[in-house]
Structures are given as C-alpha cells and as structure tokens.
Amino acid sequence: MQLLLQNSSVQYCKPLVISVNAGIDNCFSQYITTAEPVASAIVHPKFKTAWIKDPEHKRLGLELLVNKIQQQQQSLAAATSDSANSSDEAPVSEVKDDFFTFMSQNTSSANC
C-alpha cells in the first residue's frame, strides 16, 4: 500500500488507497500483532519475514517458532526413548492409527 501512495501516477485514488489501508489495519491489526499468525506467516516460503516491519513482532514470531520446534524435539526424543525401552512390538495405538491396516483386514474377509 505504501508503494501505491508513493507512486506519482496515483493521484485521484489516493483517498481510496488510504481508506483501504486504514480498513485493513482496523480489521486485521489484532491478528498481525500476536505471535501465532506472525509465526505461521514466517514459515510460509512466499512470505517469510519480509512483510514484518516491527522488529519486536518479528522477534516474538521467531521465538515462538524456536520454542515450538524445541518442544517437538523433546517430545520426539521422549517418545523414542520410551519405545526403545518397551518391547519390539508396535504399541496398540500405532496399529490402530496405521492407515493401511484396513487393507489387510478387508483382504482376509474377502477371501472367505
């Protein structure tokens, strides 16, 4: 929007550009200032951090991402150590959640 305001060829539409910009700020400012939407935009390959003007918002979004990644690594490490300590059989929850288990069940009943 700022590029449109700086463009000298936009003379008659400047009030419209200013109004649209104010409307966007009014409607979406609550989403732009919290860490979760900023973090989700940061991980998008097209947007990354180029659109974030406030360094504090950028810092909050990046901190949230780092914290989430560290939490995920810790839970993965805990799950890996738990599975290494348990028996070699897959847990019941893994077998139930396996997408392809329906194929083995359907083929055995279809042969009857």
N, C-alpha and C. Protein backbone atom coordinates (compact mmCIF):
# COMPACT_ATOMS: atom_id res chain seq x y z
N MET A 1 0.82 -1.20 0.00
CA MET A 1 0.00 0.00 0.00
C MET A 1 0.86 1.26 0.00
N GLN A 2 1.97 1.19 0.71
CA GLN A 2 2.85 2.36 0.78
C GLN A 2 3.43 2.68 -0.59
N LEU A 3 3.67 1.64 -1.39
CA LEU A 3 4.19 1.87 -2.73
C LEU A 3 3.16 2.60 -3.59
N LEU A 4 1.89 2.29 -3.39
CA LEU A 4 0.85 3.00 -4.14
C LEU A 4 0.79 4.47 -3.74
N LEU A 5 0.95 4.74 -2.47
CA LEU A 5 0.92 6.13 -2.02
C LEU A 5 2.12 6.92 -2.53
N GLN A 6 3.24 6.27 -2.68
CA GLN A 6 4.44 6.95 -3.16
C GLN A 6 4.46 7.10 -4.68
N ASN A 7 3.63 6.33 -5.36
CA ASN A 7 3.59 6.39 -6.82
C ASN A 7 2.95 7.71 -7.26
N SER A 8 3.64 8.43 -8.12
CA SER A 8 3.14 9.74 -8.56
C SER A 8 1.98 9.62 -9.55
N SER A 9 1.81 8.46 -10.17
CA SER A 9 0.71 8.31 -11.13
C SER A 9 -0.64 8.08 -10.44
N VAL A 10 -0.62 7.78 -9.15
CA VAL A 10 -1.86 7.58 -8.41
C VAL A 10 -2.23 8.91 -7.75
N GLN A 11 -3.05 9.68 -8.45
CA GLN A 11 -3.44 10.99 -7.91
C GLN A 11 -4.86 10.97 -7.38
N TYR A 12 -5.75 10.46 -8.19
CA TYR A 12 -7.16 10.54 -7.85
C TYR A 12 -7.60 9.45 -6.89
N CYS A 13 -6.83 8.39 -6.80
CA CYS A 13 -7.22 7.26 -5.96
C CYS A 13 -6.52 7.24 -4.61
N LYS A 14 -5.75 8.26 -4.30
CA LYS A 14 -5.04 8.28 -3.02
C LYS A 14 -5.98 8.18 -1.82
N PRO A 15 -7.13 8.89 -1.81
CA PRO A 15 -8.04 8.72 -0.68
C PRO A 15 -8.56 7.28 -0.56
N LEU A 16 -8.78 6.63 -1.70
CA LEU A 16 -9.22 5.24 -1.69
C LEU A 16 -8.13 4.33 -1.12
N VAL A 17 -6.90 4.54 -1.54
CA VAL A 17 -5.78 3.74 -1.04
C VAL A 17 -5.62 3.94 0.46
N ILE A 18 -5.73 5.16 0.92
CA ILE A 18 -5.61 5.45 2.35
C ILE A 18 -6.74 4.79 3.13
N SER A 19 -7.96 4.84 2.60
CA SER A 19 -9.11 4.22 3.27
C SER A 19 -8.98 2.71 3.33
N VAL A 20 -8.55 2.09 2.23
CA VAL A 20 -8.38 0.63 2.21
C VAL A 20 -7.29 0.22 3.18
N ASN A 21 -6.21 0.96 3.20
CA ASN A 21 -5.12 0.67 4.13
C ASN A 21 -5.59 0.79 5.58
N ALA A 22 -6.36 1.84 5.89
CA ALA A 22 -6.88 2.01 7.25
C ALA A 22 -7.85 0.89 7.60
N GLY A 23 -8.67 0.47 6.64
CA GLY A 23 -9.61 -0.63 6.87
C GLY A 23 -8.91 -1.94 7.13
N ILE A 24 -7.85 -2.21 6.39
CA ILE A 24 -7.08 -3.44 6.61
C ILE A 24 -6.42 -3.40 7.99
N ASP A 25 -5.84 -2.27 8.34
CA ASP A 25 -5.23 -2.13 9.66
C ASP A 25 -6.27 -2.31 10.76
N ASN A 26 -7.46 -1.74 10.56
CA ASN A 26 -8.51 -1.83 11.56
C ASN A 26 -8.99 -3.27 11.74
N CYS A 27 -9.18 -3.97 10.64
CA CYS A 27 -9.73 -5.33 10.70
C CYS A 27 -8.70 -6.37 11.14
N PHE A 28 -7.47 -6.23 10.70
CA PHE A 28 -6.50 -7.31 10.89
C PHE A 28 -5.38 -6.97 11.86
N SER A 29 -5.40 -5.83 12.49
CA SER A 29 -4.31 -5.46 13.40
C SER A 29 -4.21 -6.41 14.58
N GLN A 30 -5.34 -6.93 15.05
CA GLN A 30 -5.29 -7.87 16.18
C GLN A 30 -4.60 -9.17 15.81
N TYR A 31 -4.66 -9.55 14.54
CA TYR A 31 -4.01 -10.78 14.10
C TYR A 31 -2.53 -10.58 13.78
N ILE A 32 -2.19 -9.41 13.34
CA ILE A 32 -0.82 -9.14 12.93
C ILE A 32 0.08 -8.94 14.15
N THR A 33 -0.49 -8.51 15.27
CA THR A 33 0.33 -8.20 16.43
C THR A 33 0.53 -9.38 17.37
N THR A 34 -0.13 -10.52 17.17
CA THR A 34 0.09 -11.68 18.03
C THR A 34 1.12 -12.61 17.40
N ALA A 35 1.73 -13.43 18.21
CA ALA A 35 2.86 -14.24 17.76
C ALA A 35 2.45 -15.38 16.82
N GLU A 36 1.30 -16.00 17.04
CA GLU A 36 0.92 -17.17 16.25
C GLU A 36 0.74 -16.87 14.76
N PRO A 37 -0.02 -15.84 14.39
CA PRO A 37 -0.13 -15.54 12.95
C PRO A 37 1.20 -15.10 12.33
N VAL A 38 1.99 -14.40 13.10
CA VAL A 38 3.30 -13.98 12.59
C VAL A 38 4.17 -15.22 12.36
N ALA A 39 4.15 -16.16 13.29
CA ALA A 39 4.95 -17.37 13.14
C ALA A 39 4.47 -18.20 11.96
N SER A 40 3.17 -18.29 11.77
CA SER A 40 2.66 -19.07 10.64
C SER A 40 3.02 -18.42 9.31
N ALA A 41 3.07 -17.11 9.26
CA ALA A 41 3.48 -16.44 8.03
C ALA A 41 4.98 -16.59 7.80
N ILE A 42 5.75 -16.63 8.87
CA ILE A 42 7.20 -16.77 8.74
C ILE A 42 7.56 -18.11 8.11
N VAL A 43 6.85 -19.16 8.44
CA VAL A 43 7.19 -20.48 7.89
C VAL A 43 6.69 -20.66 6.46
N HIS A 44 5.87 -19.75 5.98
CA HIS A 44 5.41 -19.84 4.59
C HIS A 44 6.54 -19.37 3.67
N PRO A 45 6.89 -20.18 2.66
CA PRO A 45 8.04 -19.82 1.81
C PRO A 45 7.88 -18.51 1.06
N LYS A 46 6.67 -18.12 0.76
CA LYS A 46 6.48 -16.89 0.00
C LYS A 46 6.63 -15.64 0.87
N PHE A 47 6.14 -15.70 2.09
CA PHE A 47 6.09 -14.50 2.93
C PHE A 47 7.32 -14.33 3.81
N LYS A 48 7.71 -15.37 4.52
CA LYS A 48 8.83 -15.34 5.45
C LYS A 48 8.73 -14.11 6.37
N THR A 49 9.79 -13.34 6.50
CA THR A 49 9.76 -12.17 7.40
C THR A 49 9.77 -10.85 6.65
N ALA A 50 9.64 -10.89 5.34
CA ALA A 50 9.76 -9.67 4.55
C ALA A 50 8.66 -8.65 4.86
N TRP A 51 7.50 -9.10 5.25
CA TRP A 51 6.37 -8.19 5.44
C TRP A 51 6.31 -7.60 6.85
N ILE A 52 7.11 -8.11 7.77
CA ILE A 52 7.05 -7.66 9.17
C ILE A 52 7.92 -6.42 9.33
N LYS A 53 7.29 -5.32 9.64
CA LYS A 53 8.02 -4.06 9.80
C LYS A 53 8.55 -3.88 11.22
N ASP A 54 7.78 -4.31 12.19
CA ASP A 54 8.15 -4.12 13.59
C ASP A 54 9.13 -5.21 14.03
N PRO A 55 10.33 -4.86 14.45
CA PRO A 55 11.30 -5.89 14.86
C PRO A 55 10.85 -6.69 16.08
N GLU A 56 10.02 -6.09 16.93
CA GLU A 56 9.51 -6.81 18.10
C GLU A 56 8.56 -7.93 17.67
N HIS A 57 7.71 -7.68 16.69
CA HIS A 57 6.81 -8.72 16.18
C HIS A 57 7.61 -9.85 15.54
N LYS A 58 8.64 -9.49 14.80
CA LYS A 58 9.49 -10.49 14.17
C LYS A 58 10.16 -11.36 15.24
N ARG A 59 10.67 -10.71 16.28
CA ARG A 59 11.34 -11.44 17.35
C ARG A 59 10.38 -12.39 18.05
N LEU A 60 9.15 -11.92 18.34
CA LEU A 60 8.17 -12.76 19.01
C LEU A 60 7.78 -13.96 18.15
N GLY A 61 7.59 -13.74 16.86
CA GLY A 61 7.25 -14.85 15.96
C GLY A 61 8.35 -15.87 15.86
N LEU A 62 9.60 -15.40 15.75
CA LEU A 62 10.72 -16.32 15.65
C LEU A 62 10.94 -17.08 16.97
N GLU A 63 10.76 -16.41 18.10
CA GLU A 63 10.88 -17.08 19.40
C GLU A 63 9.82 -18.17 19.55
N LEU A 64 8.61 -17.87 19.12
CA LEU A 64 7.54 -18.87 19.20
C LEU A 64 7.89 -20.09 18.36
N LEU A 65 8.41 -19.87 17.16
CA LEU A 65 8.81 -20.99 16.31
C LEU A 65 9.91 -21.82 16.94
N VAL A 66 10.91 -21.16 17.48
CA VAL A 66 12.01 -21.88 18.12
C VAL A 66 11.51 -22.69 19.30
N ASN A 67 10.63 -22.11 20.12
CA ASN A 67 10.07 -22.82 21.27
C ASN A 67 9.25 -24.03 20.84
N LYS A 68 8.44 -23.88 19.80
CA LYS A 68 7.62 -25.00 19.32
C LYS A 68 8.50 -26.12 18.77
N ILE A 69 9.55 -25.76 18.05
CA ILE A 69 10.46 -26.77 17.50
C ILE A 69 11.18 -27.50 18.63
N GLN A 70 11.62 -26.77 19.64
CA GLN A 70 12.29 -27.41 20.77
C GLN A 70 11.35 -28.34 21.53
N GLN A 71 10.09 -27.92 21.71
CA GLN A 71 9.10 -28.78 22.37
C GLN A 71 8.87 -30.05 21.56
N GLN A 72 8.79 -29.91 20.24
CA GLN A 72 8.57 -31.06 19.38
C GLN A 72 9.76 -32.01 19.44
N GLN A 73 10.97 -31.48 19.45
CA GLN A 73 12.16 -32.32 19.54
C GLN A 73 12.21 -33.06 20.87
N GLN A 74 11.84 -32.38 21.95
CA GLN A 74 11.85 -33.02 23.27
C GLN A 74 10.81 -34.12 23.35
N SER A 75 9.62 -33.88 22.82
CA SER A 75 8.59 -34.92 22.87
C SER A 75 8.95 -36.09 21.97
N LEU A 76 9.59 -35.81 20.84
CA LEU A 76 10.05 -36.88 19.95
C LEU A 76 11.15 -37.70 20.61
N ALA A 77 12.07 -37.02 21.29
CA ALA A 77 13.14 -37.73 21.99
C ALA A 77 12.57 -38.57 23.12
N ALA A 78 11.59 -38.05 23.83
CA ALA A 78 10.96 -38.82 24.91
C ALA A 78 10.22 -40.03 24.36
N ALA A 79 9.53 -39.85 23.25
CA ALA A 79 8.80 -40.97 22.65
C ALA A 79 9.76 -42.02 22.12
N THR A 80 10.89 -41.58 21.56
CA THR A 80 11.88 -42.51 21.04
C THR A 80 12.52 -43.31 22.17
N SER A 81 12.83 -42.65 23.28
CA SER A 81 13.42 -43.37 24.41
C SER A 81 12.41 -44.30 25.05
N ASP A 82 11.14 -43.92 25.08
CA ASP A 82 10.11 -44.80 25.62
C ASP A 82 9.93 -46.03 24.75
N SER A 83 9.96 -45.86 23.44
CA SER A 83 9.77 -47.01 22.55
C SER A 83 11.00 -47.90 22.57
N ALA A 84 12.19 -47.35 22.83
CA ALA A 84 13.39 -48.17 22.92
C ALA A 84 13.37 -49.01 24.19
N ASN A 85 12.75 -48.50 25.23
CA ASN A 85 12.66 -49.22 26.49
C ASN A 85 11.56 -50.28 26.49
N SER A 86 10.58 -50.14 25.62
CA SER A 86 9.47 -51.10 25.58
C SER A 86 9.84 -52.27 24.69
N SER A 87 8.90 -53.18 24.51
CA SER A 87 9.15 -54.37 23.70
C SER A 87 9.24 -54.01 22.23
N ASP A 88 9.62 -54.97 21.39
CA ASP A 88 9.80 -54.74 19.96
C ASP A 88 8.48 -54.61 19.23
N GLU A 89 7.39 -55.04 19.84
CA GLU A 89 6.09 -54.94 19.18
C GLU A 89 5.63 -53.50 19.14
N ALA A 90 4.86 -53.16 18.11
CA ALA A 90 4.33 -51.80 18.00
C ALA A 90 3.22 -51.61 19.02
N PRO A 91 3.13 -50.44 19.61
CA PRO A 91 2.03 -50.17 20.54
C PRO A 91 0.69 -50.30 19.85
N VAL A 92 -0.34 -50.59 20.64
CA VAL A 92 -1.67 -50.77 20.09
C VAL A 92 -2.14 -49.52 19.38
N SER A 93 -1.82 -48.35 19.92
CA SER A 93 -2.26 -47.10 19.29
C SER A 93 -1.65 -46.94 17.91
N GLU A 94 -0.40 -47.37 17.71
CA GLU A 94 0.22 -47.27 16.39
C GLU A 94 -0.47 -48.17 15.39
N VAL A 95 -0.84 -49.37 15.82
CA VAL A 95 -1.51 -50.30 14.92
C VAL A 95 -2.87 -49.77 14.54
N LYS A 96 -3.60 -49.18 15.48
CA LYS A 96 -4.91 -48.63 15.19
C LYS A 96 -4.82 -47.43 14.25
N ASP A 97 -3.77 -46.63 14.40
CA ASP A 97 -3.63 -45.43 13.59
C ASP A 97 -2.98 -45.68 12.24
N ASP A 98 -2.54 -46.90 11.99
CA ASP A 98 -1.91 -47.19 10.72
C ASP A 98 -2.95 -47.14 9.61
N PHE A 99 -2.70 -46.31 8.62
CA PHE A 99 -3.67 -46.08 7.55
C PHE A 99 -3.94 -47.34 6.74
N PHE A 100 -2.94 -48.19 6.58
CA PHE A 100 -3.07 -49.33 5.70
C PHE A 100 -3.55 -50.60 6.39
N THR A 101 -3.94 -50.54 7.66
CA THR A 101 -4.42 -51.75 8.33
C THR A 101 -5.74 -52.22 7.76
N PHE A 102 -6.53 -51.32 7.20
CA PHE A 102 -7.82 -51.73 6.64
C PHE A 102 -7.62 -52.67 5.47
N MET A 103 -6.50 -52.56 4.75
CA MET A 103 -6.27 -53.40 3.59
C MET A 103 -6.08 -54.86 4.00
N SER A 104 -5.34 -55.11 5.06
CA SER A 104 -5.12 -56.49 5.49
C SER A 104 -6.40 -57.08 6.08
N GLN A 105 -7.23 -56.27 6.72
CA GLN A 105 -8.49 -56.76 7.28
C GLN A 105 -9.48 -57.07 6.15
N ASN A 106 -9.56 -56.20 5.13
CA ASN A 106 -10.50 -56.40 4.05
C ASN A 106 -10.12 -57.58 3.17
N THR A 107 -8.85 -57.80 2.94
CA THR A 107 -8.44 -58.90 2.06
C THR A 107 -8.67 -60.24 2.73
N SER A 108 -8.51 -60.33 4.05
CA SER A 108 -8.75 -61.61 4.72
C SER A 108 -10.23 -61.95 4.75
N SER A 109 -11.09 -60.96 4.91
CA SER A 109 -12.54 -61.24 4.93
C SER A 109 -13.09 -61.43 3.53
N ALA A 110 -12.44 -60.88 2.51
CA ALA A 110 -12.93 -61.04 1.15
C ALA A 110 -12.66 -62.43 0.61
N ASN A 111 -11.67 -63.13 1.16
CA ASN A 111 -11.33 -64.46 0.68
C ASN A 111 -12.25 -65.53 1.25
N CYS A 112 -13.10 -65.23 2.17
CA CYS A 112 -13.98 -66.22 2.81
C CYS A 112 -15.09 -66.67 1.91
